Each structure stands twice: as structure tokens, then as C-alpha cells.
N, C-alpha and C. Protein backbone atom coordinates (compact mmCIF):
# COMPACT_ATOMS: atom_id res chain seq x y z
N MET A 1 43.34 184.32 -67.82
CA MET A 1 44.15 185.16 -68.69
C MET A 1 44.38 184.50 -70.04
N SER A 2 44.21 183.20 -70.12
CA SER A 2 44.54 182.51 -71.37
C SER A 2 43.50 182.74 -72.46
N ASN A 3 42.33 183.26 -72.12
CA ASN A 3 41.29 183.46 -73.12
C ASN A 3 41.23 184.89 -73.64
N ILE A 4 42.31 185.64 -73.48
CA ILE A 4 42.33 187.02 -73.95
C ILE A 4 42.32 187.02 -75.47
N ASN A 5 41.49 187.87 -76.03
CA ASN A 5 41.33 187.98 -77.47
C ASN A 5 42.60 188.58 -78.07
N LYS A 6 43.31 187.79 -78.90
CA LYS A 6 44.58 188.24 -79.50
C LYS A 6 44.40 189.51 -80.34
N PRO A 7 43.37 189.62 -81.18
CA PRO A 7 43.21 190.86 -81.94
C PRO A 7 43.09 192.09 -81.05
N LEU A 8 42.47 191.95 -79.89
CA LEU A 8 42.36 193.06 -78.94
C LEU A 8 43.74 193.43 -78.40
N LEU A 9 44.57 192.43 -78.14
CA LEU A 9 45.94 192.69 -77.68
C LEU A 9 46.76 193.40 -78.76
N TYR A 10 46.61 192.95 -80.01
CA TYR A 10 47.30 193.62 -81.12
C TYR A 10 46.85 195.08 -81.24
N LEU A 11 45.57 195.31 -81.09
CA LEU A 11 45.03 196.66 -81.18
C LEU A 11 45.58 197.53 -80.05
N ALA A 12 45.61 197.00 -78.83
CA ALA A 12 46.14 197.75 -77.68
C ALA A 12 47.62 198.06 -77.89
N PHE A 13 48.37 197.08 -78.37
CA PHE A 13 49.80 197.28 -78.62
C PHE A 13 50.01 198.35 -79.69
N ALA A 14 49.25 198.26 -80.77
CA ALA A 14 49.39 199.23 -81.86
C ALA A 14 49.01 200.64 -81.40
N ALA A 15 47.95 200.75 -80.61
CA ALA A 15 47.52 202.06 -80.10
C ALA A 15 48.58 202.66 -79.19
N LEU A 16 49.11 201.86 -78.28
CA LEU A 16 50.15 202.34 -77.37
C LEU A 16 51.40 202.72 -78.14
N PHE A 17 51.79 201.91 -79.12
CA PHE A 17 52.97 202.18 -79.93
C PHE A 17 52.80 203.50 -80.70
N THR A 18 51.64 203.68 -81.32
CA THR A 18 51.36 204.89 -82.10
C THR A 18 51.39 206.13 -81.21
N LEU A 19 50.74 206.05 -80.07
CA LEU A 19 50.72 207.18 -79.15
C LEU A 19 52.12 207.51 -78.63
N THR A 20 52.88 206.47 -78.31
CA THR A 20 54.24 206.67 -77.81
C THR A 20 55.13 207.32 -78.86
N LEU A 21 55.04 206.83 -80.10
CA LEU A 21 55.82 207.44 -81.18
C LEU A 21 55.43 208.90 -81.41
N SER A 22 54.14 209.17 -81.40
CA SER A 22 53.66 210.54 -81.58
C SER A 22 54.19 211.46 -80.50
N ALA A 23 54.12 211.01 -79.25
CA ALA A 23 54.62 211.82 -78.13
C ALA A 23 56.12 212.03 -78.24
N PHE A 24 56.83 210.97 -78.62
CA PHE A 24 58.28 211.07 -78.75
C PHE A 24 58.68 212.08 -79.82
N PHE A 25 58.04 212.00 -80.98
CA PHE A 25 58.41 212.90 -82.06
C PHE A 25 57.94 214.33 -81.83
N LYS A 26 56.85 214.49 -81.08
CA LYS A 26 56.35 215.84 -80.82
C LYS A 26 57.09 216.52 -79.68
N GLU A 27 57.38 215.76 -78.60
CA GLU A 27 57.92 216.37 -77.40
C GLU A 27 59.31 215.88 -77.00
N GLY A 28 59.80 214.86 -77.67
CA GLY A 28 61.12 214.33 -77.34
C GLY A 28 61.09 213.47 -76.08
N LEU A 29 62.21 212.85 -75.80
CA LEU A 29 62.31 211.95 -74.65
C LEU A 29 62.17 212.71 -73.33
N LEU A 30 62.71 213.91 -73.27
CA LEU A 30 62.62 214.71 -72.04
C LEU A 30 61.22 215.27 -71.81
N GLY A 31 60.37 215.21 -72.83
CA GLY A 31 59.01 215.69 -72.69
C GLY A 31 58.20 214.95 -71.65
N MET A 32 58.61 213.72 -71.33
CA MET A 32 57.86 212.97 -70.33
C MET A 32 58.14 213.45 -68.91
N ILE A 33 59.17 214.24 -68.71
CA ILE A 33 59.50 214.74 -67.38
C ILE A 33 58.68 215.98 -67.03
N THR A 34 58.38 216.81 -68.00
CA THR A 34 57.68 218.09 -67.78
C THR A 34 56.38 217.94 -66.98
N PRO A 35 55.51 216.99 -67.29
CA PRO A 35 54.25 216.90 -66.53
C PRO A 35 54.43 216.65 -65.04
N PHE A 36 55.55 216.02 -64.65
CA PHE A 36 55.76 215.75 -63.23
C PHE A 36 55.96 217.04 -62.44
N LYS A 37 56.40 218.07 -63.10
CA LYS A 37 56.59 219.36 -62.45
C LYS A 37 55.28 220.15 -62.36
N ALA A 38 54.34 219.81 -63.22
CA ALA A 38 53.14 220.62 -63.36
C ALA A 38 51.97 220.18 -62.48
N SER A 39 51.87 218.90 -62.15
CA SER A 39 50.64 218.45 -61.51
C SER A 39 50.87 217.22 -60.63
N LEU A 40 50.19 217.20 -59.50
CA LEU A 40 50.19 216.01 -58.66
C LEU A 40 49.44 214.86 -59.32
N TRP A 41 48.51 215.18 -60.21
CA TRP A 41 47.78 214.13 -60.91
C TRP A 41 48.71 213.27 -61.76
N THR A 42 49.75 213.88 -62.30
CA THR A 42 50.73 213.10 -63.06
C THR A 42 51.39 212.07 -62.16
N TRP A 43 51.73 212.47 -60.94
CA TRP A 43 52.30 211.53 -59.99
C TRP A 43 51.30 210.42 -59.65
N GLN A 44 50.04 210.80 -59.52
CA GLN A 44 49.02 209.79 -59.21
C GLN A 44 48.93 208.77 -60.34
N TYR A 45 48.91 209.23 -61.60
CA TYR A 45 48.87 208.32 -62.75
C TYR A 45 50.11 207.42 -62.77
N PHE A 46 51.25 208.02 -62.47
CA PHE A 46 52.51 207.28 -62.50
C PHE A 46 52.51 206.18 -61.44
N ILE A 47 52.13 206.52 -60.21
CA ILE A 47 52.09 205.53 -59.13
C ILE A 47 51.07 204.44 -59.44
N ASP A 48 49.94 204.82 -59.99
CA ASP A 48 48.92 203.86 -60.39
C ASP A 48 49.49 202.89 -61.43
N LEU A 49 50.21 203.41 -62.41
CA LEU A 49 50.83 202.57 -63.44
C LEU A 49 51.87 201.64 -62.83
N VAL A 50 52.67 202.15 -61.91
CA VAL A 50 53.69 201.31 -61.26
C VAL A 50 53.03 200.16 -60.50
N ILE A 51 51.98 200.45 -59.75
CA ILE A 51 51.28 199.41 -59.00
C ILE A 51 50.70 198.37 -59.96
N ALA A 52 50.06 198.82 -61.03
CA ALA A 52 49.48 197.89 -62.00
C ALA A 52 50.56 197.03 -62.65
N LEU A 53 51.68 197.62 -63.01
CA LEU A 53 52.76 196.85 -63.64
C LEU A 53 53.40 195.86 -62.67
N VAL A 54 53.49 196.21 -61.40
CA VAL A 54 54.01 195.27 -60.40
C VAL A 54 53.08 194.06 -60.30
N LEU A 55 51.78 194.31 -60.29
CA LEU A 55 50.82 193.20 -60.24
C LEU A 55 50.91 192.33 -61.49
N VAL A 56 51.05 192.96 -62.66
CA VAL A 56 51.18 192.21 -63.91
C VAL A 56 52.49 191.42 -63.90
N LEU A 57 53.56 192.03 -63.43
CA LEU A 57 54.84 191.32 -63.36
C LEU A 57 54.77 190.12 -62.43
N TYR A 58 54.08 190.27 -61.33
CA TYR A 58 53.89 189.13 -60.42
C TYR A 58 53.23 187.97 -61.17
N TRP A 59 52.18 188.28 -61.93
CA TRP A 59 51.50 187.24 -62.70
C TRP A 59 52.43 186.64 -63.75
N ILE A 60 53.19 187.48 -64.45
CA ILE A 60 54.10 186.99 -65.48
C ILE A 60 55.15 186.06 -64.87
N VAL A 61 55.73 186.46 -63.75
CA VAL A 61 56.74 185.62 -63.09
C VAL A 61 56.14 184.27 -62.71
N GLU A 62 54.96 184.29 -62.09
CA GLU A 62 54.30 183.04 -61.71
C GLU A 62 53.98 182.19 -62.93
N ASP A 63 53.50 182.83 -63.99
CA ASP A 63 53.15 182.11 -65.21
C ASP A 63 54.39 181.48 -65.85
N CYS A 64 55.48 182.24 -65.90
CA CYS A 64 56.73 181.71 -66.46
C CYS A 64 57.25 180.54 -65.62
N ARG A 65 57.22 180.68 -64.31
CA ARG A 65 57.67 179.58 -63.44
C ARG A 65 56.85 178.32 -63.68
N LYS A 66 55.53 178.49 -63.75
CA LYS A 66 54.64 177.36 -63.96
C LYS A 66 54.92 176.68 -65.30
N ARG A 67 55.31 177.45 -66.30
CA ARG A 67 55.57 176.93 -67.63
C ARG A 67 57.02 176.52 -67.84
N GLY A 68 57.88 176.79 -66.86
CA GLY A 68 59.29 176.47 -67.00
C GLY A 68 60.02 177.40 -67.96
N LYS A 69 59.56 178.64 -68.04
CA LYS A 69 60.15 179.65 -68.95
C LYS A 69 60.94 180.67 -68.15
N GLN A 70 61.83 181.39 -68.84
CA GLN A 70 62.60 182.47 -68.23
C GLN A 70 61.70 183.69 -67.99
N TYR A 71 61.74 184.23 -66.81
CA TYR A 71 60.93 185.43 -66.53
C TYR A 71 61.77 186.71 -66.45
N LEU A 72 63.06 186.58 -66.18
CA LEU A 72 63.89 187.77 -66.01
C LEU A 72 63.89 188.70 -67.23
N PRO A 73 63.94 188.18 -68.46
CA PRO A 73 63.87 189.10 -69.60
C PRO A 73 62.59 189.93 -69.64
N TRP A 74 61.46 189.35 -69.22
CA TRP A 74 60.19 190.06 -69.21
C TRP A 74 60.18 191.12 -68.12
N VAL A 75 60.80 190.83 -66.98
CA VAL A 75 60.88 191.81 -65.89
C VAL A 75 61.72 193.02 -66.34
N VAL A 76 62.90 192.74 -66.91
CA VAL A 76 63.78 193.82 -67.38
C VAL A 76 63.09 194.63 -68.48
N ALA A 77 62.48 193.93 -69.43
CA ALA A 77 61.80 194.62 -70.53
C ALA A 77 60.67 195.50 -70.01
N THR A 78 59.94 195.04 -69.01
CA THR A 78 58.85 195.84 -68.44
C THR A 78 59.39 197.07 -67.73
N LEU A 79 60.50 196.93 -67.03
CA LEU A 79 61.11 198.07 -66.35
C LEU A 79 61.53 199.15 -67.34
N PHE A 80 61.95 198.74 -68.54
CA PHE A 80 62.42 199.71 -69.54
C PHE A 80 61.34 200.18 -70.51
N THR A 81 60.30 199.37 -70.71
CA THR A 81 59.31 199.72 -71.73
C THR A 81 57.90 199.91 -71.20
N GLY A 82 57.70 199.69 -69.91
CA GLY A 82 56.35 199.84 -69.36
C GLY A 82 55.42 198.74 -69.88
N SER A 83 54.26 199.14 -70.31
CA SER A 83 53.21 198.19 -70.71
C SER A 83 53.51 197.44 -72.01
N PHE A 84 54.49 197.91 -72.77
CA PHE A 84 54.81 197.21 -74.02
C PHE A 84 55.17 195.75 -73.78
N ALA A 85 56.04 195.49 -72.80
CA ALA A 85 56.50 194.12 -72.56
C ALA A 85 55.37 193.18 -72.12
N PRO A 86 54.53 193.57 -71.14
CA PRO A 86 53.43 192.68 -70.78
C PRO A 86 52.45 192.43 -71.94
N LEU A 87 52.19 193.46 -72.74
CA LEU A 87 51.32 193.25 -73.91
C LEU A 87 51.96 192.25 -74.87
N LEU A 88 53.25 192.41 -75.11
CA LEU A 88 53.95 191.49 -76.00
C LEU A 88 53.98 190.08 -75.41
N TYR A 89 54.16 189.98 -74.10
CA TYR A 89 54.12 188.66 -73.44
C TYR A 89 52.79 187.97 -73.69
N LEU A 90 51.71 188.71 -73.52
CA LEU A 90 50.38 188.12 -73.74
C LEU A 90 50.16 187.75 -75.21
N ILE A 91 50.71 188.55 -76.12
CA ILE A 91 50.57 188.24 -77.55
C ILE A 91 51.33 186.97 -77.89
N LEU A 92 52.54 186.82 -77.35
CA LEU A 92 53.39 185.68 -77.69
C LEU A 92 53.10 184.43 -76.87
N ARG A 93 52.43 184.60 -75.75
CA ARG A 93 52.16 183.48 -74.84
C ARG A 93 51.26 182.46 -75.51
N LYS A 94 51.68 181.23 -75.44
CA LYS A 94 50.89 180.14 -76.01
C LYS A 94 49.93 179.62 -74.94
N HIS A 95 48.74 179.28 -75.37
CA HIS A 95 47.74 178.71 -74.46
C HIS A 95 48.19 177.32 -74.06
N SER A 96 48.08 176.99 -72.78
CA SER A 96 48.44 175.65 -72.33
C SER A 96 47.25 175.03 -71.63
N THR A 97 47.27 173.74 -71.59
CA THR A 97 46.21 173.02 -70.89
C THR A 97 46.80 172.47 -69.60
N VAL A 98 46.77 173.30 -68.57
CA VAL A 98 47.26 172.90 -67.26
C VAL A 98 46.04 172.57 -66.42
N SER A 99 46.07 171.39 -65.80
CA SER A 99 44.90 170.97 -65.02
C SER A 99 44.81 171.80 -63.74
N ASN A 100 43.63 171.86 -63.17
CA ASN A 100 43.42 172.60 -61.93
C ASN A 100 44.23 171.99 -60.79
N ASP A 101 44.44 170.66 -60.81
CA ASP A 101 45.24 170.03 -59.76
C ASP A 101 46.67 170.54 -59.79
N THR A 102 47.23 170.70 -60.98
CA THR A 102 48.59 171.20 -61.11
C THR A 102 48.69 172.62 -60.59
N VAL A 103 47.72 173.44 -60.95
CA VAL A 103 47.71 174.83 -60.49
C VAL A 103 47.54 174.89 -58.98
N ASN A 104 46.61 174.12 -58.43
CA ASN A 104 46.35 174.13 -56.99
C ASN A 104 47.55 173.63 -56.21
N ASN A 105 48.24 172.61 -56.70
CA ASN A 105 49.39 172.07 -55.99
C ASN A 105 50.58 173.02 -56.03
N SER A 106 50.69 173.83 -57.05
CA SER A 106 51.83 174.74 -57.16
C SER A 106 51.74 175.90 -56.19
N HIS A 107 50.57 176.13 -55.60
CA HIS A 107 50.40 177.26 -54.67
C HIS A 107 50.39 176.81 -53.23
N GLU A 108 50.66 175.53 -52.98
CA GLU A 108 50.66 175.03 -51.59
C GLU A 108 52.00 175.16 -50.94
């Protein structure tokens, strides 16, 4: 995960931000509820997103613990903002040089 291209993360964040603002201004905050009434596919997308975010949060928590950083703010932010918080975490995360022995010992 440490070799993720930062410009790609900035692009993903900007695209998500732009789309979210557009949807908000066009349909309002309650506009996100309407699709749940219309289609089971919306529920499928939602459950898929929840599963993906839980997996990402697991990684963030483990990464923060390994680095000695606070993870609770990232968990709360992800619950309220969805993918914005994990994208921001990856943008702000500094690359570290942790040896494989340290990583292997932390999972025993």
C-alpha cells in the first residue's frame, strides 16, 4: 500500500469530491435515500461499499497501530464521510521503512 501513486489519489479524491458536490446541489441530502426505494441494485452497491470500507478500515486500524498513531478519528471520519476519509488517510500517510521482521512479529 505504501507505493500508491499520490497524484492518482489526489485525482480520485477530486473526482469523488466533485461528484458528491454535484449530487448534493442537484438532489439535496435527502436525494441519496430515493434510490434505495427504487432498486435492489442500490442495496447491492451499498452493501458492497460497506464491505469494502470495513476491509479498508481494518487495514487503517492495523497500519495506525503499527505506526503508533491514533486510528479512532479515521474510523469515525470514514463512518461519516465514506471513502473520503480513507483516501485522505492514504494521501496524508507518510511512507515508512518497516522491516519485514517487524511486520511478521506484529502478527504473531
